[in-house]
Amino acid sequence: MRIYIGLLVNFLTLLSFSQVQIDNASYFKVSANTNVVIDNGGLQNNGTVSLNNTSNIRFHGNGTVQTIEGNNNIIFGILTIDKNTNDVQLARNIEVSNKIEMTNGDLDLKNQTIELGASATLENETNTKRIKSTDVGGNDGLGTGTIFTIRNNPVGNIANLGLTVDLADEGSTTITRGHERQQGTGTYVINYSVFRYFTLSNIVLGGGGEDVTFVDCFTDELNGHNSNDLVMYQWYEENYSGLEYWHPLNTTGSSVSITETLDNNTLSYIKVTLGSKNTPLPIMLTKFDANNYHKESVLLNWQTSTEINNDFFTLEKSSDAENWKIIAIVDGAGNSNNTINYQSIDENIIISKNYYRLKQTDFNGTFSYSDIRVVEFVEENKTDFLSDIVIYPVPTHQTLNVKNIQSEYVDYSIFSVTGVLLKEKLNVEVDNAKITIDVGSLISGTYFIKLLTNHNSKLKSFIKY
């Protein structure tokens, strides 16, 4: 049976449809304790769907992929995935107020989100019936979809999402689980994590001293890692440098479940994932600084904690964060487990922004870039119309706000950490000293935003999750 019109379901305990399509201005209402089976078809809502908290919408079948889609929101009471073959896929964001019941088959988030209500749970998830996130080609670990819930002072394995926490003093906390593989940084950009990570938002100073347990990581989420060789990594920001990277919380390797104590850092959120001790995620570069030196030169210094097959470093400079030139080449140590400090001085300064980045090259020719550093030299009595700008929220998912812009118009450009221009807009009108930028099309990662008025410019970093 295929349904295209408004329907009130409040008189039966079991109904079965091959497709449910709610047209504009129509409704689909299901009362308490009613089971609705959608057999080998999808659910499309362009009207109004009202599902009781104890009503059960079960996607069942052994045929084609079943899709949840439409222009309007759907709040499920109980959502049951019961697929013998193929998946149920999201083509829009949804909410679940009671529970997600994994009976058979997978629920593919694609690039969408599921919000679990304040007491909702994920039930009976296993390797053969799990939540995952694929891209348009169906490749696991490449979709950006997430499942999240907001809880007050959360303690335990919240909503059975697979991460045990004790945040009894943190107040309202958003627990997000994603399935996009996380890329290593610096020298290790060719390495990737498992197909699972967690983000805990609104945490004081990165949750230092808190214990977390990574409860689950299914076989199909391992991304080639050995299940007995997993290490928990925490996304970390250094206080003195602002450098961000994947920091291992242990180095010996073990199998899930893994319990580790988080390191304190300056971020307002916690992000953890799993990788392998043999294919690590963190960078070996622990510091890269650029500072005004005697008002007429720039002192560049960097530090490594370990070096593996490190041939040399290349210092590059730019006046616009787009076009780069080499200003120095410094030999590396090759292989080292000791802390090594390097430095160089740039005496050819620009009266404006001086952008610097560090390129590290291995003996086999593999190379990677550091984050960009900037040093500004200004003329006397020059008004800085961007001196007090603030960007928020950080991290952000969809929009980035910039406030305290003391100018009527501003240009902005967004760059990757390697200096690639990704987004640009000129002559943006400033409204009440603020502009809002849509960054939803960017993949998860760290970026730089460059703001420019007729008088000066500013470069700020932000994180997209």
Protein backbone atom coordinates (compact mmCIF):
# COMPACT_ATOMS: atom_id res chain seq x y z
CA MET A 1 0.00 0.00 0.00
CA ARG A 2 1.31 3.47 -0.94
CA ILE A 3 0.02 6.53 0.91
CA TYR A 4 0.03 10.07 -0.49
CA ILE A 5 -2.67 11.85 1.59
CA GLY A 6 -3.27 12.82 5.15
CA LEU A 7 -3.98 9.92 7.52
CA LEU A 8 -4.82 9.61 11.20
CA VAL A 9 -3.60 6.27 12.60
CA ASN A 10 -5.09 5.85 16.04
CA PHE A 11 -7.25 2.79 15.83
CA LEU A 12 -4.94 -0.10 14.95
CA THR A 13 -1.86 -1.61 16.54
CA LEU A 14 -0.29 -2.69 13.22
CA LEU A 15 -0.36 -1.15 9.75
CA SER A 16 1.85 -1.91 6.76
CA PHE A 17 2.71 0.37 3.81
CA SER A 18 5.02 0.01 0.85
CA GLN A 19 5.65 3.77 0.81
CA VAL A 20 4.59 6.74 2.93
CA GLN A 21 4.56 10.11 1.19
CA ILE A 22 2.99 13.05 3.01
CA ASP A 23 2.20 15.83 0.58
CA ASN A 24 2.13 19.53 1.31
CA ALA A 25 -0.69 20.52 3.73
CA SER A 26 -1.38 16.84 4.51
CA TYR A 27 -0.72 15.03 7.79
CA PHE A 28 0.27 11.60 9.08
CA LYS A 29 -0.57 11.09 12.76
CA VAL A 30 0.16 7.90 14.70
CA SER A 31 -1.14 7.38 18.22
CA ALA A 32 0.39 5.57 21.20
CA ASN A 33 1.50 1.92 20.97
CA THR A 34 0.81 1.74 17.24
CA ASN A 35 3.24 -0.14 14.98
CA VAL A 36 3.65 1.06 11.41
CA VAL A 37 5.73 -1.06 9.03
CA ILE A 38 7.14 0.54 5.88
CA ASP A 39 8.01 -2.44 3.73
CA ASN A 40 10.75 -1.87 1.09
CA GLY A 41 9.72 1.78 0.70
CA GLY A 42 10.63 5.18 2.06
CA LEU A 43 9.10 7.94 4.14
CA GLN A 44 8.84 11.39 2.60
CA ASN A 45 7.37 14.23 4.62
CA ASN A 46 6.40 17.46 2.91
CA GLY A 47 3.41 17.98 5.19
CA THR A 48 2.95 17.24 8.90
CA VAL A 49 3.98 14.06 10.70
CA SER A 50 2.91 13.57 14.31
CA LEU A 51 4.23 10.37 15.92
CA ASN A 52 3.48 9.46 19.52
CA ASN A 53 6.47 8.80 21.77
CA THR A 54 5.51 5.08 22.01
CA SER A 55 4.56 4.64 18.35
CA ASN A 56 6.95 2.47 16.36
CA ILE A 57 7.90 3.18 12.73
CA ARG A 58 9.70 0.10 11.43
CA PHE A 59 11.61 0.09 8.16
CA HIS A 60 11.60 -3.46 6.88
CA GLY A 61 12.55 -5.22 3.70
CA ASN A 62 15.06 -7.13 1.64
CA GLY A 63 14.97 -5.01 -1.48
CA THR A 64 16.11 -1.50 -2.34
CA VAL A 65 17.54 1.14 -0.03
CA GLN A 66 14.82 2.83 2.04
CA THR A 67 15.10 6.59 2.48
CA ILE A 68 13.82 9.09 5.05
CA GLU A 69 13.42 12.41 3.26
CA GLY A 70 11.24 15.44 2.65
CA ASN A 71 11.18 19.16 3.34
CA ASN A 72 9.72 18.99 6.85
CA ASN A 73 11.02 17.64 10.13
CA ILE A 74 10.11 14.23 11.53
CA ILE A 75 10.20 13.41 15.25
CA PHE A 76 10.08 9.64 15.66
CA GLY A 77 8.99 7.99 18.88
CA ILE A 78 10.53 4.58 18.24
CA LEU A 79 12.50 4.15 15.00
CA THR A 80 13.23 0.49 14.14
CA ILE A 81 15.72 -0.57 11.47
CA ASP A 82 14.87 -4.07 10.24
CA LYS A 83 16.58 -4.56 6.87
CA ASN A 84 17.68 -7.95 5.56
CA THR A 85 19.56 -6.37 2.65
CA ASN A 86 20.66 -2.79 1.85
CA ASP A 87 20.29 0.11 4.28
CA VAL A 88 17.96 2.77 5.55
CA GLN A 89 19.45 6.13 4.52
CA LEU A 90 18.82 9.68 5.71
CA ALA A 91 18.20 12.41 3.17
CA ARG A 92 17.23 14.92 5.88
CA ASN A 93 17.86 15.55 9.57
CA ILE A 94 15.51 13.77 11.99
CA GLU A 95 14.77 13.58 15.72
CA VAL A 96 14.01 10.55 17.93
CA SER A 97 12.23 11.03 21.27
CA ASN A 98 12.20 7.43 22.59
CA LYS A 99 14.74 5.06 20.99
CA ILE A 100 16.38 3.74 17.85
CA GLU A 101 16.01 -0.04 17.73
CA MET A 102 18.62 -1.79 15.56
CA THR A 103 17.09 -5.16 14.60
CA ASN A 104 18.65 -5.89 11.19
CA GLY A 105 20.77 -3.88 8.76
CA ASP A 106 22.41 -0.48 8.95
CA LEU A 107 21.19 3.09 9.33
CA ASP A 108 23.30 5.30 7.04
CA LEU A 109 23.45 8.92 8.16
CA LYS A 110 25.06 10.12 4.93
CA ASN A 111 25.63 13.85 5.68
CA GLN A 112 22.59 14.27 7.95
CA THR A 113 22.10 14.34 11.72
CA ILE A 114 19.94 12.54 14.25
CA GLU A 115 19.05 14.31 17.49
CA LEU A 116 18.17 11.98 20.35
CA GLY A 117 15.78 13.41 22.95
CA ALA A 118 16.69 13.95 26.59
CA SER A 119 15.96 10.33 27.49
CA ALA A 120 16.24 8.62 24.09
CA THR A 121 18.63 5.70 23.53
CA LEU A 122 20.27 3.66 20.81
CA GLU A 123 19.49 -0.03 21.32
CA ASN A 124 21.00 -3.36 20.19
CA GLU A 125 23.66 -1.95 17.87
CA THR A 126 26.24 -4.49 16.66
CA ASN A 127 28.72 -4.78 13.80
CA THR A 128 26.02 -6.19 11.49
CA LYS A 129 23.36 -3.63 12.46
CA ARG A 130 24.95 -0.29 13.16
CA ILE A 131 24.83 3.41 12.46
CA LYS A 132 27.36 4.54 9.87
CA SER A 133 28.02 7.45 7.50
CA THR A 134 28.93 7.06 3.83
CA ASP A 135 29.55 9.52 1.01
CA VAL A 136 27.63 9.74 -2.29
CA GLY A 137 29.61 6.79 -3.61
CA GLY A 138 28.68 4.62 -0.62
CA ASN A 139 32.20 4.72 0.87
CA ASP A 140 32.12 4.08 4.62
CA GLY A 141 33.85 6.62 6.85
CA LEU A 142 33.58 9.50 4.37
CA GLY A 143 30.13 10.84 5.26
CA THR A 144 29.84 13.79 7.67
CA GLY A 145 26.62 12.66 9.37
CA THR A 146 26.37 12.63 13.17
CA ILE A 147 24.07 11.47 15.96
CA PHE A 148 23.90 13.62 19.09
CA THR A 149 22.04 14.28 22.31
CA ILE A 150 22.03 17.11 24.87
CA ARG A 151 22.18 16.01 28.51
CA ASN A 152 22.59 17.80 31.84
CA ASN A 153 25.65 16.70 33.89
CA PRO A 154 25.98 13.46 31.89
CA VAL A 155 27.41 10.36 33.58
CA GLY A 156 27.83 6.91 32.04
CA ASN A 157 27.43 5.58 28.51
CA ILE A 158 25.05 8.32 27.45
CA ALA A 159 22.21 7.07 25.22
CA ASN A 160 24.33 3.93 24.54
CA LEU A 161 26.31 5.93 22.00
CA GLY A 162 29.51 4.13 23.01
CA LEU A 163 31.44 6.65 25.11
CA THR A 164 31.36 6.52 28.91
CA VAL A 165 31.91 9.88 30.63
CA ASP A 166 31.64 11.44 34.07
CA LEU A 167 30.75 15.09 33.54
CA ALA A 168 28.60 15.55 36.63
CA ASP A 169 29.75 19.16 37.09
CA GLU A 170 29.68 20.34 33.49
CA GLY A 171 25.98 21.26 33.19
CA SER A 172 24.33 21.01 29.78
CA THR A 173 26.63 19.04 27.48
CA THR A 174 26.20 18.01 23.86
CA ILE A 175 27.49 14.50 23.13
CA THR A 176 28.04 13.96 19.41
CA ARG A 177 29.11 10.76 17.67
CA GLY A 178 30.41 10.92 14.11
CA HIS A 179 31.63 8.28 11.68
CA GLU A 180 33.87 10.30 9.38
CA ARG A 181 37.49 9.14 9.48
CA GLN A 182 39.77 11.69 11.14
CA GLN A 183 42.92 12.69 9.28
CA GLY A 184 46.32 12.85 10.90
CA THR A 185 48.16 16.16 11.03
CA GLY A 186 51.59 17.40 10.00
CA THR A 187 53.87 14.53 9.00
CA TYR A 188 51.03 12.05 9.47
CA VAL A 189 48.43 13.46 7.06
CA ILE A 190 48.43 10.14 5.17
CA ASN A 191 47.12 8.34 8.28
CA TYR A 192 43.49 8.09 9.33
CA SER A 193 41.53 7.06 12.41
CA VAL A 194 38.79 4.48 12.72
CA PHE A 195 35.31 5.35 11.43
CA ARG A 196 34.15 6.73 14.77
CA TYR A 197 34.81 9.83 16.87
CA PHE A 198 33.11 11.71 19.70
CA THR A 199 32.80 15.42 20.45
CA LEU A 200 31.68 16.75 23.86
CA SER A 201 30.76 20.44 23.66
CA ASN A 202 30.67 23.19 26.31
CA ILE A 203 33.50 21.70 28.37
CA VAL A 204 35.69 23.82 30.66
CA LEU A 205 39.30 23.82 29.42
CA GLY A 206 39.11 20.73 27.28
CA GLY A 207 38.04 18.44 30.10
CA GLY A 208 41.47 18.00 31.64
CA GLY A 209 41.61 15.24 34.27
CA GLU A 210 38.35 13.64 33.14
CA ASP A 211 38.26 9.91 32.39
CA VAL A 212 36.49 8.72 29.25
CA THR A 213 35.97 5.17 28.01
CA PHE A 214 35.72 4.39 24.32
CA VAL A 215 33.31 1.48 24.76
CA ASP A 216 32.72 0.29 21.20
CA CYS A 217 34.42 0.24 17.83
CA PHE A 218 32.98 -2.40 15.54
CA THR A 219 35.06 -4.51 13.15
CA ASP A 220 33.72 -2.72 10.07
CA GLU A 221 34.72 0.63 11.61
CA LEU A 222 38.40 -0.25 12.14
CA ASN A 223 39.53 1.22 8.79
CA GLY A 224 42.35 -1.30 8.49
CA HIS A 225 43.62 -0.92 12.06
CA ASN A 226 44.35 -3.96 14.19
CA SER A 227 41.75 -4.18 16.97
CA ASN A 228 44.51 -5.07 19.47
CA ASP A 229 46.68 -2.10 18.51
CA LEU A 230 44.33 0.84 19.11
CA VAL A 231 45.32 4.08 20.84
CA MET A 232 42.96 6.83 21.98
CA TYR A 233 43.72 10.29 20.58
CA GLN A 234 42.48 13.66 21.84
CA TRP A 235 42.27 16.80 19.69
CA TYR A 236 44.53 19.17 21.56
CA GLU A 237 45.43 22.87 21.54
CA GLU A 238 48.66 24.11 23.08
CA ASN A 239 48.23 27.10 25.35
CA TYR A 240 51.49 28.83 24.44
CA SER A 241 51.34 28.41 20.66
CA GLY A 242 47.72 27.81 19.71
CA LEU A 243 48.91 24.77 17.73
CA GLU A 244 46.24 22.08 17.33
CA TYR A 245 46.87 18.41 16.64
CA TRP A 246 45.88 14.84 17.52
CA HIS A 247 47.55 14.00 20.83
CA PRO A 248 47.91 10.31 21.84
CA LEU A 249 46.68 9.55 25.36
CA ASN A 250 48.76 6.38 25.44
CA THR A 251 51.41 4.83 23.21
CA THR A 252 51.26 1.12 23.98
CA GLY A 253 48.09 0.10 22.13
CA SER A 254 45.19 -1.97 23.40
CA SER A 255 41.77 -3.24 22.34
CA VAL A 256 38.43 -1.60 23.13
CA SER A 257 37.12 -0.78 25.52
CA ILE A 258 39.82 1.84 26.21
CA THR A 259 39.77 4.15 29.24
CA GLU A 260 42.03 7.21 29.29
CA THR A 261 42.41 10.43 31.28
CA LEU A 262 41.97 13.51 29.11
CA ASP A 263 44.71 16.14 28.96
CA ASN A 264 43.88 19.70 29.95
CA ASN A 265 44.10 22.21 27.08
CA THR A 266 42.60 25.52 25.97
CA LEU A 267 39.74 24.17 23.84
CA SER A 268 36.11 24.55 24.98
CA TYR A 269 35.24 21.04 23.82
CA ILE A 270 36.55 17.46 23.86
CA LYS A 271 37.12 15.45 20.70
CA VAL A 272 38.45 11.88 20.80
CA THR A 273 38.95 9.05 18.35
CA LEU A 274 40.93 5.83 17.97
CA GLY A 275 43.93 5.11 15.78
CA SER A 276 46.93 2.82 15.77
CA LYS A 277 50.29 3.22 17.48
CA ASN A 278 51.89 1.99 14.23
CA THR A 279 50.09 4.50 11.98
CA PRO A 280 49.91 7.52 14.30
CA LEU A 281 47.78 10.63 13.90
CA PRO A 282 49.72 13.38 15.72
CA ILE A 283 52.35 15.67 14.25
CA MET A 284 55.93 15.48 15.46
CA LEU A 285 56.13 19.31 15.28
CA THR A 286 55.20 20.51 18.78
CA LYS A 287 55.74 24.26 18.26
CA PHE A 288 56.03 26.76 15.42
CA ASP A 289 56.17 30.45 16.39
CA ALA A 290 56.80 33.71 14.51
CA ASN A 291 57.45 36.88 16.54
CA ASN A 292 58.48 40.50 16.01
CA TYR A 293 62.23 40.66 16.72
CA HIS A 294 63.81 44.05 17.57
CA LYS A 295 60.99 45.79 15.62
CA GLU A 296 62.69 45.20 12.26
CA SER A 297 62.83 41.43 11.77
CA VAL A 298 60.90 38.24 12.54
CA LEU A 299 62.24 35.43 14.70
CA LEU A 300 60.92 32.03 13.63
CA ASN A 301 61.38 29.07 15.94
CA TRP A 302 59.99 25.57 16.01
CA GLN A 303 60.38 22.44 18.07
CA THR A 304 60.08 18.72 17.43
CA SER A 305 59.58 15.96 19.99
CA THR A 306 60.32 13.11 17.57
CA GLU A 307 61.63 12.92 14.03
CA ILE A 308 61.21 9.97 11.67
CA ASN A 309 63.13 10.07 8.35
CA ASN A 310 63.13 13.88 8.50
CA ASP A 311 65.32 15.29 5.71
CA PHE A 312 64.83 19.08 5.95
CA PHE A 313 62.52 21.99 6.77
CA THR A 314 61.57 24.76 4.34
CA LEU A 315 60.45 28.15 5.64
CA GLU A 316 58.00 29.88 3.30
CA LYS A 317 56.71 33.47 3.39
CA SER A 318 53.77 35.29 1.82
CA SER A 319 52.27 38.77 1.82
CA ASP A 320 48.72 37.54 1.13
CA ALA A 321 48.60 33.93 2.47
CA GLU A 322 48.19 32.76 -1.13
CA ASN A 323 51.48 33.21 -2.99
CA TRP A 324 54.51 31.75 -1.19
CA LYS A 325 58.27 32.02 -1.58
CA ILE A 326 61.13 30.14 0.09
CA ILE A 327 63.18 32.20 2.57
CA ALA A 328 65.23 29.44 4.28
CA ILE A 329 66.02 25.71 4.21
CA VAL A 330 67.11 24.02 7.46
CA ASP A 331 68.39 20.45 7.73
CA GLY A 332 66.41 18.02 9.90
CA ALA A 333 67.82 15.51 12.36
CA GLY A 334 66.78 12.44 10.38
CA ASN A 335 65.61 10.21 13.20
CA SER A 336 65.35 11.37 16.81
CA ASN A 337 63.34 10.75 19.96
CA ASN A 338 64.66 13.88 21.70
CA THR A 339 63.27 17.41 21.79
CA ILE A 340 65.06 19.56 19.21
CA ASN A 341 64.72 23.36 18.82
CA TYR A 342 65.23 25.18 15.51
CA GLN A 343 65.23 28.87 14.60
CA SER A 344 65.68 31.29 11.71
CA ILE A 345 65.43 35.09 11.29
CA ASP A 346 63.67 36.95 8.48
CA GLU A 347 65.10 40.45 8.07
CA ASN A 348 63.13 41.35 4.92
CA ILE A 349 59.91 42.39 6.60
CA ILE A 350 56.81 43.84 4.94
CA ILE A 351 54.98 46.86 6.39
CA SER A 352 51.75 44.90 6.59
CA LYS A 353 51.03 41.24 7.22
CA ASN A 354 53.92 38.77 7.03
CA TYR A 355 52.64 35.19 6.69
CA TYR A 356 54.86 32.19 7.44
CA ARG A 357 54.47 28.44 7.13
CA LEU A 358 56.86 25.54 7.66
CA LYS A 359 57.21 22.68 5.19
CA GLN A 360 58.73 19.40 6.42
CA THR A 361 60.14 16.95 3.86
CA ASP A 362 61.05 13.29 4.48
CA PHE A 363 63.92 11.42 2.82
CA ASN A 364 61.44 9.80 0.43
CA GLY A 365 60.12 13.19 -0.71
CA THR A 366 56.88 13.09 1.30
CA PHE A 367 56.13 16.54 2.71
CA SER A 368 53.58 18.32 4.90
CA TYR A 369 52.84 21.88 6.02
CA SER A 370 52.39 23.49 9.41
CA ASP A 371 49.66 25.95 10.31
CA ILE A 372 50.18 29.52 9.14
CA ARG A 373 51.72 32.12 11.46
CA VAL A 374 51.44 35.86 10.90
CA VAL A 375 53.40 38.88 12.12
CA GLU A 376 52.16 42.39 11.37
CA PHE A 377 54.23 45.55 11.03
CA VAL A 378 52.18 48.77 10.89
CA GLU A 379 52.96 52.40 10.28
CA GLU A 380 52.74 54.90 13.10
CA ASN A 381 49.23 56.24 13.95
CA LYS A 382 47.50 53.72 11.70
CA THR A 383 43.98 52.86 12.85
CA ASP A 384 43.26 49.16 13.01
CA PHE A 385 39.59 48.68 12.07
CA LEU A 386 39.83 44.95 12.80
CA SER A 387 41.76 45.06 16.05
CA ASP A 388 38.89 43.86 18.25
CA ILE A 389 37.22 41.29 16.00
CA VAL A 390 35.81 38.13 17.56
CA ILE A 391 34.76 34.98 15.67
CA TYR A 392 32.21 32.55 17.07
CA PRO A 393 31.12 29.84 17.64
CA VAL A 394 34.36 27.88 17.66
CA PRO A 395 34.08 25.10 16.76
CA THR A 396 31.25 25.73 14.32
CA HIS A 397 29.17 23.46 12.13
CA GLN A 398 27.09 25.65 9.80
CA THR A 399 27.71 29.39 10.29
CA LEU A 400 30.62 31.52 11.46
CA ASN A 401 29.97 34.97 12.94
CA VAL A 402 32.48 37.82 12.96
CA LYS A 403 31.73 40.79 15.21
CA ASN A 404 33.38 44.10 16.20
CA ILE A 405 34.20 45.05 12.59
CA GLN A 406 34.65 48.83 12.58
CA SER A 407 34.04 49.29 8.87
CA GLU A 408 31.04 49.51 6.51
CA TYR A 409 32.36 46.83 4.16
CA VAL A 410 34.82 43.98 4.49
CA ASP A 411 36.34 41.32 2.23
CA TYR A 412 36.87 37.80 3.52
CA SER A 413 38.76 34.72 2.31
CA ILE A 414 38.85 31.23 3.83
CA PHE A 415 41.97 29.08 3.48
CA SER A 416 42.94 25.53 4.36
CA VAL A 417 45.84 25.04 6.79
CA THR A 418 48.11 24.60 3.75
CA GLY A 419 47.10 27.99 2.32
CA VAL A 420 44.63 26.83 -0.36
CA LEU A 421 41.89 29.39 -1.02
CA LEU A 422 38.50 27.71 -0.51
CA LYS A 423 35.97 30.53 -0.25
CA GLU A 424 36.06 34.28 -0.95
CA LYS A 425 33.61 37.19 -0.96
CA LEU A 426 34.30 40.88 -1.57
CA ASN A 427 32.56 44.03 -0.35
CA VAL A 428 30.41 42.30 2.24
CA GLU A 429 28.14 44.78 3.97
CA VAL A 430 28.72 44.96 7.71
CA ASP A 431 25.52 45.06 9.79
CA ASN A 432 25.90 46.39 13.34
CA ALA A 433 29.63 45.62 13.21
CA LYS A 434 28.91 41.95 12.35
CA ILE A 435 28.84 39.57 9.39
CA THR A 436 27.68 35.93 9.19
CA ILE A 437 29.38 33.41 6.89
CA ASP A 438 27.99 30.05 5.76
CA VAL A 439 30.70 27.38 6.22
CA GLY A 440 28.41 24.36 5.99
CA SER A 441 30.01 23.20 2.71
CA LEU A 442 33.45 22.83 4.31
CA ILE A 443 34.57 19.41 5.53
CA SER A 444 35.57 18.96 9.17
CA GLY A 445 38.95 20.48 9.99
CA THR A 446 40.93 23.61 10.87
CA TYR A 447 40.75 26.68 8.61
CA PHE A 448 41.94 30.30 8.46
CA ILE A 449 39.72 33.27 7.70
CA LYS A 450 41.35 36.43 6.37
CA LEU A 451 39.40 39.69 6.77
CA LEU A 452 40.39 42.81 4.80
CA THR A 453 39.25 46.44 4.90
CA ASN A 454 40.72 49.36 2.99
CA HIS A 455 43.09 49.92 5.88
CA ASN A 456 44.18 46.59 7.33
CA SER A 457 43.63 42.85 7.54
CA LYS A 458 43.35 40.13 10.15
CA LEU A 459 43.88 36.36 10.04
CA LYS A 460 42.02 34.10 12.46
CA SER A 461 41.75 30.32 12.76
CA PHE A 462 38.56 28.33 13.36
CA ILE A 463 37.42 24.71 13.47
CA LYS A 464 34.58 23.23 11.40
CA TYR A 465 33.10 19.96 12.72
